[in-house]
């Protein structure tokens, strides 16, 4: 004859007692596994993600600083060119002043 078996009913089955015994005896193991395995896996993954983000950030900063360095080199080059041009102009001005002092008529004649 067929009937109903209630797993949670202690009159029908020892499942409740078995479950209680297994949980109580293995709870510490479950806690340790959770801590040792699952938490450590989470921690490792989180640290790896942070390291990857910081590596990407450092690479970005390196690229930006390289661009800035290139801009600084360009700026330094332009400044050096302007300094050389100013030096040439000052030399030309000094020559003209020297010519004026030696031959004042050259200024009047335009030669």
PDB file of N, CA and C in Angstrom:
ATOM      1  N   UNK A   1       0.827  -1.169   0.000  1.00  0.00           N
ATOM      2  CA  UNK A   1       0.000   0.000   0.000  1.00  0.00           C
ATOM      3  C   UNK A   1       0.880   1.244   0.000  1.00  0.00           C
ATOM      4  N   UNK A   2       0.417   2.228  -0.724  1.00  0.00           N
ATOM      5  CA  UNK A   2       1.165   3.468  -0.855  1.00  0.00           C
ATOM      6  C   UNK A   2       0.735   4.444   0.213  1.00  0.00           C
ATOM      7  N   UNK A   3       1.683   5.258   0.634  1.00  0.00           N
ATOM      8  CA  UNK A   3       1.365   6.240   1.652  1.00  0.00           C
ATOM      9  C   UNK A   3       2.232   7.477   1.490  1.00  0.00           C
ATOM     10  N   UNK A   4       2.190   8.298   2.448  1.00  0.00           N
ATOM     11  CA  UNK A   4       2.942   9.549   2.425  1.00  0.00           C
ATOM     12  C   UNK A   4       4.082   9.440   3.423  1.00  0.00           C
ATOM     13  N   UNK A   5       5.248   9.851   2.975  1.00  0.00           N
ATOM     14  CA  UNK A   5       6.406   9.897   3.863  1.00  0.00           C
ATOM     15  C   UNK A   5       6.780  11.360   4.029  1.00  0.00           C
ATOM     16  N   UNK A   6       6.783  11.800   5.235  1.00  0.00           N
ATOM     17  CA  UNK A   6       7.170  13.179   5.517  1.00  0.00           C
ATOM     18  C   UNK A   6       8.604  13.165   6.036  1.00  0.00           C
ATOM     19  N   UNK A   7       9.492  13.736   5.242  1.00  0.00           N
ATOM     20  CA  UNK A   7      10.909  13.722   5.585  1.00  0.00           C
ATOM     21  C   UNK A   7      11.172  14.528   6.849  1.00  0.00           C
ATOM     22  N   UNK A   8      10.426  15.577   7.048  1.00  0.00           N
ATOM     23  CA  UNK A   8      10.620  16.439   8.209  1.00  0.00           C
ATOM     24  C   UNK A   8       9.936  15.898   9.474  1.00  0.00           C
ATOM     25  N   UNK A   9       9.158  14.849   9.338  1.00  0.00           N
ATOM     26  CA  UNK A   9       8.441  14.285  10.483  1.00  0.00           C
ATOM     27  C   UNK A   9       9.323  13.228  11.152  1.00  0.00           C
ATOM     28  N   UNK A  10       9.722  13.444  12.420  1.00  0.00           N
ATOM     29  CA  UNK A  10      10.595  12.474  13.101  1.00  0.00           C
ATOM     30  C   UNK A  10       9.949  11.099  13.305  1.00  0.00           C
ATOM     31  N   UNK A  11       8.631  11.005  13.224  1.00  0.00           N
ATOM     32  CA  UNK A  11       7.960   9.707  13.360  1.00  0.00           C
ATOM     33  C   UNK A  11       8.139   8.856  12.103  1.00  0.00           C
ATOM     34  N   UNK A  12       8.366   9.506  10.967  1.00  0.00           N
ATOM     35  CA  UNK A  12       8.491   8.782   9.701  1.00  0.00           C
ATOM     36  C   UNK A  12       9.940   8.527   9.310  1.00  0.00           C
ATOM     37  N   UNK A  13      10.820   9.418   9.729  1.00  0.00           N
ATOM     38  CA  UNK A  13      12.175   9.367   9.167  1.00  0.00           C
ATOM     39  C   UNK A  13      13.178   9.950  10.164  1.00  0.00           C
ATOM     40  N   UNK A  14      14.403   9.510  10.067  1.00  0.00           N
ATOM     41  CA  UNK A  14      15.477  10.045  10.913  1.00  0.00           C
ATOM     42  C   UNK A  14      16.244  11.173  10.213  1.00  0.00           C
ATOM     43  N   UNK A  15      15.687  11.678   9.125  1.00  0.00           N
ATOM     44  CA  UNK A  15      16.387  12.705   8.352  1.00  0.00           C
ATOM     45  C   UNK A  15      16.682  13.953   9.178  1.00  0.00           C
ATOM     46  N   UNK A  16      15.736  14.383   9.986  1.00  0.00           N
ATOM     47  CA  UNK A  16      15.924  15.595  10.793  1.00  0.00           C
ATOM     48  C   UNK A  16      17.100  15.396  11.745  1.00  0.00           C
ATOM     49  N   UNK A  17      17.151  14.232  12.386  1.00  0.00           N
ATOM     50  CA  UNK A  17      18.249  13.958  13.315  1.00  0.00           C
ATOM     51  C   UNK A  17      19.579  13.841  12.569  1.00  0.00           C
ATOM     52  N   UNK A  18      19.548  13.178  11.427  1.00  0.00           N
ATOM     53  CA  UNK A  18      20.762  13.029  10.620  1.00  0.00           C
ATOM     54  C   UNK A  18      21.265  14.390  10.146  1.00  0.00           C
ATOM     55  N   UNK A  19      20.348  15.204   9.652  1.00  0.00           N
ATOM     56  CA  UNK A  19      20.717  16.543   9.191  1.00  0.00           C
ATOM     57  C   UNK A  19      21.300  17.366  10.332  1.00  0.00           C
ATOM     58  N   UNK A  20      20.659  17.329  11.477  1.00  0.00           N
ATOM     59  CA  UNK A  20      21.130  18.079  12.640  1.00  0.00           C
ATOM     60  C   UNK A  20      22.524  17.618  13.053  1.00  0.00           C
ATOM     61  N   UNK A  21      22.735  16.307  13.060  1.00  0.00           N
ATOM     62  CA  UNK A  21      24.027  15.760  13.445  1.00  0.00           C
ATOM     63  C   UNK A  21      25.115  16.160  12.442  1.00  0.00           C
ATOM     64  N   UNK A  22      24.815  16.056  11.154  1.00  0.00           N
ATOM     65  CA  UNK A  22      25.802  16.409  10.133  1.00  0.00           C
ATOM     66  C   UNK A  22      26.144  17.899  10.168  1.00  0.00           C
ATOM     67  N   UNK A  23      25.136  18.708  10.319  1.00  0.00           N
ATOM     68  CA  UNK A  23      25.382  20.154  10.360  1.00  0.00           C
ATOM     69  C   UNK A  23      26.176  20.519  11.606  1.00  0.00           C
ATOM     70  N   UNK A  24      25.806  19.955  12.740  1.00  0.00           N
ATOM     71  CA  UNK A  24      26.511  20.319  13.973  1.00  0.00           C
ATOM     72  C   UNK A  24      27.949  19.806  13.969  1.00  0.00           C
ATOM     73  N   UNK A  25      28.180  18.618  13.440  1.00  0.00           N
ATOM     74  CA  UNK A  25      29.546  18.082  13.449  1.00  0.00           C
ATOM     75  C   UNK A  25      30.410  18.683  12.353  1.00  0.00           C
ATOM     76  N   UNK A  26      29.812  19.114  11.278  1.00  0.00           N
ATOM     77  CA  UNK A  26      30.599  19.632  10.155  1.00  0.00           C
ATOM     78  C   UNK A  26      30.520  21.153   9.998  1.00  0.00           C
ATOM     79  N   UNK A  27      29.883  21.812  10.933  1.00  0.00           N
ATOM     80  CA  UNK A  27      29.750  23.268  10.833  1.00  0.00           C
ATOM     81  C   UNK A  27      31.118  23.947  10.869  1.00  0.00           C
ATOM     82  N   UNK A  28      31.998  23.489  11.740  1.00  0.00           N
ATOM     83  CA  UNK A  28      33.327  24.099  11.818  1.00  0.00           C
ATOM     84  C   UNK A  28      34.087  23.885  10.508  1.00  0.00           C
ATOM     85  N   UNK A  29      33.971  22.688   9.944  1.00  0.00           N
ATOM     86  CA  UNK A  29      34.608  22.436   8.649  1.00  0.00           C
ATOM     87  C   UNK A  29      34.040  23.359   7.575  1.00  0.00           C
ATOM     88  N   UNK A  30      32.738  23.535   7.589  1.00  0.00           N
ATOM     89  CA  UNK A  30      32.092  24.418   6.619  1.00  0.00           C
ATOM     90  C   UNK A  30      32.597  25.852   6.773  1.00  0.00           C
ATOM     91  N   UNK A  31      32.732  26.290   8.014  1.00  0.00           N
ATOM     92  CA  UNK A  31      33.246  27.642   8.263  1.00  0.00           C
ATOM     93  C   UNK A  31      34.689  27.775   7.780  1.00  0.00           C
ATOM     94  N   UNK A  32      35.495  26.779   8.064  1.00  0.00           N
ATOM     95  CA  UNK A  32      36.899  26.827   7.654  1.00  0.00           C
ATOM     96  C   UNK A  32      37.041  26.811   6.137  1.00  0.00           C
ATOM     97  N   UNK A  33      36.260  25.955   5.488  1.00  0.00           N
ATOM     98  CA  UNK A  33      36.310  25.901   4.024  1.00  0.00           C
ATOM     99  C   UNK A  33      35.856  27.231   3.437  1.00  0.00           C
ATOM    100  N   UNK A  34      34.793  27.768   4.017  1.00  0.00           N
ATOM    101  CA  UNK A  34      34.307  29.058   3.535  1.00  0.00           C
ATOM    102  C   UNK A  34      35.386  30.115   3.691  1.00  0.00           C
ATOM    103  N   UNK A  35      36.023  30.121   4.834  1.00  0.00           N
ATOM    104  CA  UNK A  35      37.065  31.116   5.082  1.00  0.00           C
ATOM    105  C   UNK A  35      38.296  30.856   4.231  1.00  0.00           C
ATOM    106  N   UNK A  36      38.779  29.635   4.272  1.00  0.00           N
ATOM    107  CA  UNK A  36      40.043  29.324   3.606  1.00  0.00           C
ATOM    108  C   UNK A  36      39.930  29.332   2.087  1.00  0.00           C
ATOM    109  N   UNK A  37      38.906  28.747   1.578  1.00  0.00           N
ATOM    110  CA  UNK A  37      38.814  28.582   0.129  1.00  0.00           C
ATOM    111  C   UNK A  37      38.070  29.743  -0.522  1.00  0.00           C
ATOM    112  N   UNK A  38      36.835  29.915  -0.133  1.00  0.00           N
ATOM    113  CA  UNK A  38      36.005  30.903  -0.825  1.00  0.00           C
ATOM    114  C   UNK A  38      36.489  32.331  -0.580  1.00  0.00           C
ATOM    115  N   UNK A  39      36.764  32.659   0.667  1.00  0.00           N
ATOM    116  CA  UNK A  39      37.218  34.018   0.956  1.00  0.00           C
ATOM    117  C   UNK A  39      38.576  34.289   0.322  1.00  0.00           C
ATOM    118  N   UNK A  40      39.471  33.320   0.397  1.00  0.00           N
ATOM    119  CA  UNK A  40      40.798  33.516  -0.196  1.00  0.00           C
ATOM    120  C   UNK A  40      40.709  33.653  -1.717  1.00  0.00           C
ATOM    121  N   UNK A  41      39.813  32.898  -2.335  1.00  0.00           N
ATOM    122  CA  UNK A  41      39.609  33.060  -3.782  1.00  0.00           C
ATOM    123  C   UNK A  41      39.081  34.454  -4.100  1.00  0.00           C
ATOM    124  N   UNK A  42      38.117  34.908  -3.304  1.00  0.00           N
ATOM    125  CA  UNK A  42      37.580  36.257  -3.491  1.00  0.00           C
ATOM    126  C   UNK A  42      38.685  37.292  -3.300  1.00  0.00           C
ATOM    127  N   UNK A  43      39.456  37.141  -2.247  1.00  0.00           N
ATOM    128  CA  UNK A  43      40.531  38.083  -1.933  1.00  0.00           C
ATOM    129  C   UNK A  43      41.566  38.123  -3.061  1.00  0.00           C
ATOM    130  N   UNK A  44      41.948  36.952  -3.546  1.00  0.00           N
ATOM    131  CA  UNK A  44      42.920  36.867  -4.643  1.00  0.00           C
ATOM    132  C   UNK A  44      42.386  37.567  -5.889  1.00  0.00           C
ATOM    133  N   UNK A  45      41.131  37.314  -6.202  1.00  0.00           N
ATOM    134  CA  UNK A  45      40.518  37.935  -7.373  1.00  0.00           C
ATOM    135  C   UNK A  45      40.461  39.454  -7.208  1.00  0.00           C
ATOM    136  N   UNK A  46      40.088  39.905  -6.028  1.00  0.00           N
ATOM    137  CA  UNK A  46      39.985  41.345  -5.768  1.00  0.00           C
ATOM    138  C   UNK A  46      41.364  42.016  -5.865  1.00  0.00           C
ATOM    139  N   UNK A  47      42.368  41.399  -5.288  1.00  0.00           N
ATOM    140  CA  UNK A  47      43.730  41.950  -5.341  1.00  0.00           C
ATOM    141  C   UNK A  47      44.230  41.981  -6.779  1.00  0.00           C
ATOM    142  N   UNK A  48      43.949  40.940  -7.534  1.00  0.00           N
ATOM    143  CA  UNK A  48      44.361  40.896  -8.938  1.00  0.00           C
ATOM    144  C   UNK A  48      43.702  42.019  -9.729  1.00  0.00           C
ATOM    145  N   UNK A  49      42.426  42.243  -9.491  1.00  0.00           N
ATOM    146  CA  UNK A  49      41.726  43.324 -10.183  1.00  0.00           C
ATOM    147  C   UNK A  49      42.317  44.679  -9.813  1.00  0.00           C
ATOM    148  N   UNK A  50      42.618  44.875  -8.544  1.00  0.00           N
ATOM    149  CA  UNK A  50      43.223  46.141  -8.118  1.00  0.00           C
ATOM    150  C   UNK A  50      44.591  46.328  -8.761  1.00  0.00           C
ATOM    151  N   UNK A  51      45.381  45.253  -8.806  1.00  0.00           N
ATOM    152  CA  UNK A  51      46.706  45.330  -9.409  1.00  0.00           C
ATOM    153  C   UNK A  51      46.596  45.660 -10.902  1.00  0.00           C
ATOM    154  N   UNK A  52      45.644  45.025 -11.572  1.00  0.00           N
ATOM    155  CA  UNK A  52      45.454  45.295 -12.996  1.00  0.00           C
ATOM    156  C   UNK A  52      45.043  46.746 -13.228  1.00  0.00           C
ATOM    157  N   UNK A  53      44.138  47.242 -12.371  1.00  0.00           N
ATOM    158  CA  UNK A  53      43.718  48.645 -12.507  1.00  0.00           C
ATOM    159  C   UNK A  53      44.890  49.587 -12.275  1.00  0.00           C
ATOM    160  N   UNK A  54      45.686  49.308 -11.250  1.00  0.00           N
ATOM    161  CA  UNK A  54      46.812  50.199 -10.965  1.00  0.00           C
ATOM    162  C   UNK A  54      47.866  50.104 -12.067  1.00  0.00           C
ATOM    163  N   UNK A  55      48.047  48.920 -12.641  1.00  0.00           N
ATOM    164  CA  UNK A  55      48.989  48.771 -13.755  1.00  0.00           C
ATOM    165  C   UNK A  55      48.515  49.576 -14.955  1.00  0.00           C
ATOM    166  N   UNK A  56      47.227  49.488 -15.255  1.00  0.00           N
ATOM    167  CA  UNK A  56      46.678  50.267 -16.368  1.00  0.00           C
ATOM    168  C   UNK A  56      46.842  51.761 -16.107  1.00  0.00           C
ATOM    169  N   UNK A  57      46.595  52.171 -14.868  1.00  0.00           N
ATOM    170  CA  UNK A  57      46.725  53.589 -14.514  1.00  0.00           C
ATOM    171  C   UNK A  57      48.173  54.052 -14.661  1.00  0.00           C
ATOM    172  N   UNK A  58      49.111  53.204 -14.202  1.00  0.00           N
ATOM    173  CA  UNK A  58      50.529  53.565 -14.344  1.00  0.00           C
ATOM    174  C   UNK A  58      50.928  53.665 -15.808  1.00  0.00           C
ATOM    175  N   UNK A  59      50.439  52.736 -16.627  1.00  0.00           N
ATOM    176  CA  UNK A  59      50.758  52.772 -18.055  1.00  0.00           C
ATOM    177  C   UNK A  59      50.182  54.041 -18.693  1.00  0.00           C
ATOM    178  N   UNK A  60      48.978  54.401 -18.279  1.00  0.00           N
ATOM    179  CA  UNK A  60      48.350  55.617 -18.798  1.00  0.00           C
ATOM    180  C   UNK A  60      49.181  56.839 -18.407  1.00  0.00           C
ATOM    181  N   UNK A  61      49.616  56.876 -17.150  1.00  0.00           N
ATOM    182  CA  UNK A  61      50.439  57.999 -16.695  1.00  0.00           C
ATOM    183  C   UNK A  61      51.768  58.045 -17.438  1.00  0.00           C
ATOM    184  N   UNK A  62      52.352  56.873 -17.708  1.00  0.00           N
ATOM    185  CA  UNK A  62      53.607  56.839 -18.457  1.00  0.00           C
ATOM    186  C   UNK A  62      53.408  57.394 -19.860  1.00  0.00           C
ATOM    187  N   UNK A  63      52.294  56.977 -20.505  1.00  0.00           N
ATOM    188  CA  UNK A  63      52.017  57.487 -21.851  1.00  0.00           C
ATOM    189  C   UNK A  63      51.817  58.996 -21.821  1.00  0.00           C
ATOM    190  N   UNK A  64      51.056  59.469 -20.834  1.00  0.00           N
ATOM    191  CA  UNK A  64      50.808  60.906 -20.731  1.00  0.00           C
ATOM    192  C   UNK A  64      52.097  61.664 -20.451  1.00  0.00           C
ATOM    193  N   UNK A  65      52.930  61.112 -19.583  1.00  0.00           N
ATOM    194  CA  UNK A  65      54.178  61.807 -19.273  1.00  0.00           C
ATOM    195  C   UNK A  65      55.112  61.780 -20.477  1.00  0.00           C
ATOM    196  N   UNK A  66      55.056  60.703 -21.269  1.00  0.00           N
ATOM    197  CA  UNK A  66      55.879  60.654 -22.484  1.00  0.00           C
ATOM    198  C   UNK A  66      55.408  61.722 -23.465  1.00  0.00           C
ATOM    199  N   UNK A  67      54.097  61.895 -23.579  1.00  0.00           N
ATOM    200  CA  UNK A  67      53.561  62.940 -24.453  1.00  0.00           C
ATOM    201  C   UNK A  67      53.978  64.304 -23.927  1.00  0.00           C
ATOM    202  N   UNK A  68      53.853  64.495 -22.612  1.00  0.00           N
ATOM    203  CA  UNK A  68      54.254  65.769 -22.012  1.00  0.00           C
ATOM    204  C   UNK A  68      55.745  66.002 -22.193  1.00  0.00           C
ATOM    205  N   UNK A  69      56.533  64.937 -22.078  1.00  0.00           N
ATOM    206  CA  UNK A  69      57.971  65.058 -22.275  1.00  0.00           C
ATOM    207  C   UNK A  69      58.262  65.470 -23.710  1.00  0.00           C
ATOM    208  N   UNK A  70      57.537  64.874 -24.649  1.00  0.00           N
ATOM    209  CA  UNK A  70      57.694  65.255 -26.051  1.00  0.00           C
ATOM    210  C   UNK A  70      57.328  66.711 -26.266  1.00  0.00           C
ATOM    211  N   UNK A  71      56.263  67.150 -25.620  1.00  0.00           N
ATOM    212  CA  UNK A  71      55.866  68.555 -25.731  1.00  0.00           C
ATOM    213  C   UNK A  71      56.923  69.455 -25.112  1.00  0.00           C
ATOM    214  N   UNK A  72      57.492  69.026 -23.990  1.00  0.00           N
ATOM    215  CA  UNK A  72      58.549  69.815 -23.359  1.00  0.00           C
ATOM    216  C   UNK A  72      59.775  69.899 -24.259  1.00  0.00           C
ATOM    217  N   UNK A  73      60.109  68.776 -24.901  1.00  0.00           N
ATOM    218  CA  UNK A  73      61.252  68.783 -25.807  1.00  0.00           C
ATOM    219  C   UNK A  73      60.985  69.720 -26.978  1.00  0.00           C
ATOM    220  N   UNK A  74      59.761  69.690 -27.518  1.00  0.00           N
ATOM    221  CA  UNK A  74      59.396  70.605 -28.602  1.00  0.00           C
ATOM    222  C   UNK A  74      59.494  72.049 -28.127  1.00  0.00           C
ATOM    223  N   UNK A  75      58.994  72.306 -26.933  1.00  0.00           N
ATOM    224  CA  UNK A  75      59.040  73.657 -26.377  1.00  0.00           C
ATOM    225  C   UNK A  75      60.484  74.097 -26.174  1.00  0.00           C
ATOM    226  N   UNK A  76      61.301  73.207 -25.631  1.00  0.00           N
ATOM    227  CA  UNK A  76      62.717  73.532 -25.433  1.00  0.00           C
ATOM    228  C   UNK A  76      63.395  73.827 -26.767  1.00  0.00           C
ATOM    229  N   UNK A  77      63.053  73.048 -27.792  1.00  0.00           N
ATOM    230  CA  UNK A  77      63.634  73.263 -29.116  1.00  0.00           C
ATOM    231  C   UNK A  77      63.225  74.632 -29.667  1.00  0.00           C
ATOM    232  N   UNK A  78      61.943  74.965 -29.524  1.00  0.00           N
ATOM    233  CA  UNK A  78      61.461  76.264 -30.002  1.00  0.00           C
ATOM    234  C   UNK A  78      62.122  77.411 -29.241  1.00  0.00           C
ATOM    235  N   UNK A  79      62.286  77.246 -27.951  1.00  0.00           N
ATOM    236  CA  UNK A  79      62.948  78.284 -27.150  1.00  0.00           C
ATOM    237  C   UNK A  79      64.395  78.447 -27.597  1.00  0.00           C
ATOM    238  N   UNK A  80      65.058  77.332 -27.852  1.00  0.00           N
ATOM    239  CA  UNK A  80      66.452  77.399 -28.317  1.00  0.00           C
ATOM    240  C   UNK A  80      66.527  78.108 -29.670  1.00  0.00           C
ATOM    241  N   UNK A  81      65.570  77.817 -30.555  1.00  0.00           N
ATOM    242  CA  UNK A  81      65.543  78.503 -31.850  1.00  0.00           C
ATOM    243  C   UNK A  81      65.348  80.004 -31.663  1.00  0.00           C
ATOM    244  N   UNK A  82      64.420  80.372 -30.813  1.00  0.00           N
ATOM    245  CA  UNK A  82      64.154  81.796 -30.568  1.00  0.00           C
ATOM    246  C   UNK A  82      65.374  82.473 -29.939  1.00  0.00           C
ATOM    247  N   UNK A  83      66.029  81.780 -29.018  1.00  0.00           N
ATOM    248  CA  UNK A  83      67.242  82.339 -28.411  1.00  0.00           C
ATOM    249  C   UNK A  83      68.319  82.572 -29.470  1.00  0.00           C
ATOM    250  N   UNK A  84      68.473  81.609 -30.378  1.00  0.00           N
ATOM    251  CA  UNK A  84      69.466  81.757 -31.452  1.00  0.00           C
ATOM    252  C   UNK A  84      69.093  82.927 -32.359  1.00  0.00           C
ATOM    253  N   UNK A  85      67.812  83.060 -32.653  1.00  0.00           N
ATOM    254  CA  UNK A  85      67.356  84.167 -33.494  1.00  0.00           C
ATOM    255  C   UNK A  85      67.603  85.510 -32.805  1.00  0.00           C
ATOM    256  N   UNK A  86      67.325  85.579 -31.516  1.00  0.00           N
ATOM    257  CA  UNK A  86      67.580  86.809 -30.757  1.00  0.00           C
ATOM    258  C   UNK A  86      69.071  87.127 -30.766  1.00  0.00           C
ATOM    259  N   UNK A  87      69.886  86.095 -30.608  1.00  0.00           N
ATOM    260  CA  UNK A  87      71.344  86.292 -30.627  1.00  0.00           C
ATOM    261  C   UNK A  87      71.790  86.857 -31.974  1.00  0.00           C
ATOM    262  N   UNK A  88      71.261  86.303 -33.075  1.00  0.00           N
ATOM    263  CA  UNK A  88      71.615  86.810 -34.411  1.00  0.00           C
ATOM    264  C   UNK A  88      71.171  88.270 -34.580  1.00  0.00           C
ATOM    265  N   UNK A  89      69.969  88.568 -34.106  1.00  0.00           N
ATOM    266  CA  UNK A  89      69.465  89.944 -34.218  1.00  0.00           C
ATOM    267  C   UNK A  89      70.332  90.909 -33.406  1.00  0.00           C
ATOM    268  N   UNK A  90      70.743  90.466 -32.215  1.00  0.00           N
ATOM    269  CA  UNK A  90      71.599  91.324 -31.394  1.00  0.00           C
ATOM    270  C   UNK A  90      72.947  91.548 -32.076  1.00  0.00           C
ATOM    271  N   UNK A  91      73.475  90.504 -32.717  1.00  0.00           N
ATOM    272  CA  UNK A  91      74.743  90.649 -33.439  1.00  0.00           C
ATOM    273  C   UNK A  91      74.582  91.609 -34.613  1.00  0.00           C
ATOM    274  N   UNK A  92      73.463  91.478 -35.341  1.00  0.00           N
ATOM    275  CA  UNK A  92      73.217  92.402 -36.458  1.00  0.00           C
ATOM    276  C   UNK A  92      73.078  93.834 -35.947  1.00  0.00           C
ATOM    277  N   UNK A  93      72.383  94.011 -34.848  1.00  0.00           N
ATOM    278  CA  UNK A  93      72.208  95.332 -34.259  1.00  0.00           C
ATOM    279  C   UNK A  93      73.556  95.908 -33.823  1.00  0.00           C
ATOM    280  N   UNK A  94      74.387  95.066 -33.233  1.00  0.00           N
ATOM    281  CA  UNK A  94      75.718  95.519 -32.806  1.00  0.00           C
ATOM    282  C   UNK A  94      76.550  95.932 -34.017  1.00  0.00           C
ATOM    283  N   UNK A  95      76.461  95.181 -35.126  1.00  0.00           N
ATOM    284  CA  UNK A  95      77.191  95.541 -36.350  1.00  0.00           C
ATOM    285  C   UNK A  95      76.706  96.883 -36.885  1.00  0.00           C
ATOM    286  N   UNK A  96      75.389  97.056 -36.900  1.00  0.00           N
ATOM    287  CA  UNK A  96      74.824  98.310 -37.400  1.00  0.00           C
ATOM    288  C   UNK A  96      75.273  99.488 -36.537  1.00  0.00           C
ATOM    289  N   UNK A  97      75.260  99.277 -35.225  1.00  0.00           N
ATOM    290  CA  UNK A  97      75.697 100.351 -34.332  1.00  0.00           C
ATOM    291  C   UNK A  97      77.176 100.653 -34.542  1.00  0.00           C
ATOM    292  N   UNK A  98      77.953  99.610 -34.756  1.00  0.00           N
ATOM    293  CA  UNK A  98      79.385  99.808 -35.001  1.00  0.00           C
ATOM    294  C   UNK A  98      79.589 100.562 -36.306  1.00  0.00           C
ATOM    295  N   UNK A  99      78.816 100.232 -37.332  1.00  0.00           N
ATOM    296  CA  UNK A  99      78.924 100.935 -38.613  1.00  0.00           C
ATOM    297  C   UNK A  99      78.535 102.398 -38.453  1.00  0.00           C
ATOM    298  N   UNK A 100      77.496 102.657 -37.692  1.00  0.00           N
ATOM    299  CA  UNK A 100      77.056 104.031 -37.482  1.00  0.00           C
ATOM    300  C   UNK A 100      78.122 104.839 -36.747  1.00  0.00           C
ATOM    301  N   UNK A 101      78.787 104.205 -35.825  1.00  0.00           N
ATOM    302  CA  UNK A 101      79.816 104.921 -35.073  1.00  0.00           C
ATOM    303  C   UNK A 101      81.044 105.181 -35.938  1.00  0.00           C
ATOM    304  N   UNK A 102      81.387 104.265 -36.808  1.00  0.00           N
ATOM    305  CA  UNK A 102      82.573 104.444 -37.639  1.00  0.00           C
ATOM    306  C   UNK A 102      82.291 105.318 -38.852  1.00  0.00           C
ATOM    307  N   UNK A 103      81.112 105.217 -39.420  1.00  0.00           N
ATOM    308  CA  UNK A 103      80.793 105.987 -40.624  1.00  0.00           C
ATOM    309  C   UNK A 103      79.384 106.551 -40.506  1.00  0.00           C
ATOM    310  N   UNK A 104      79.214 107.715 -39.884  1.00  0.00           N
ATOM    311  CA  UNK A 104      77.883 108.292 -39.714  1.00  0.00           C
ATOM    312  C   UNK A 104      77.208 108.605 -41.049  1.00  0.00           C
ATOM    313  N   UNK A 105      77.960 108.812 -42.115  1.00  0.00           N
ATOM    314  CA  UNK A 105      77.363 109.117 -43.418  1.00  0.00           C
ATOM    315  C   UNK A 105      76.630 107.912 -43.998  1.00  0.00           C
ATOM    316  N   UNK A 106      77.006 106.707 -43.601  1.00  0.00           N
ATOM    317  CA  UNK A 106      76.357 105.505 -44.126  1.00  0.00           C
ATOM    318  C   UNK A 106      74.894 105.476 -43.713  1.00  0.00           C
ATOM    319  N   UNK A 107      74.586 106.012 -42.541  1.00  0.00           N
ATOM    320  CA  UNK A 107      73.202 106.042 -42.081  1.00  0.00           C
ATOM    321  C   UNK A 107      72.391 107.014 -42.914  1.00  0.00           C
ATOM    322  N   UNK A 108      73.013 108.130 -43.335  1.00  0.00           N
ATOM    323  CA  UNK A 108      72.306 109.120 -44.134  1.00  0.00           C
ATOM    324  C   UNK A 108      72.124 108.610 -45.555  1.00  0.00           C
ATOM    325  N   UNK A 109      73.130 107.974 -46.108  1.00  0.00           N
ATOM    326  CA  UNK A 109      73.075 107.475 -47.480  1.00  0.00           C
ATOM    327  C   UNK A 109      72.304 106.165 -47.588  1.00  0.00           C
ATOM    328  N   UNK A 110      72.146 105.463 -46.464  1.00  0.00           N
ATOM    329  CA  UNK A 110      71.420 104.194 -46.479  1.00  0.00           C
ATOM    330  C   UNK A 110      72.284 103.022 -46.849  1.00  0.00           C
ATOM    331  N   UNK A 111      73.601 103.166 -46.830  1.00  0.00           N
ATOM    332  CA  UNK A 111      74.486 102.043 -47.142  1.00  0.00           C
ATOM    333  C   UNK A 111      75.315 101.639 -45.971  1.00  0.00           C
TER     334      UNK A 111
END
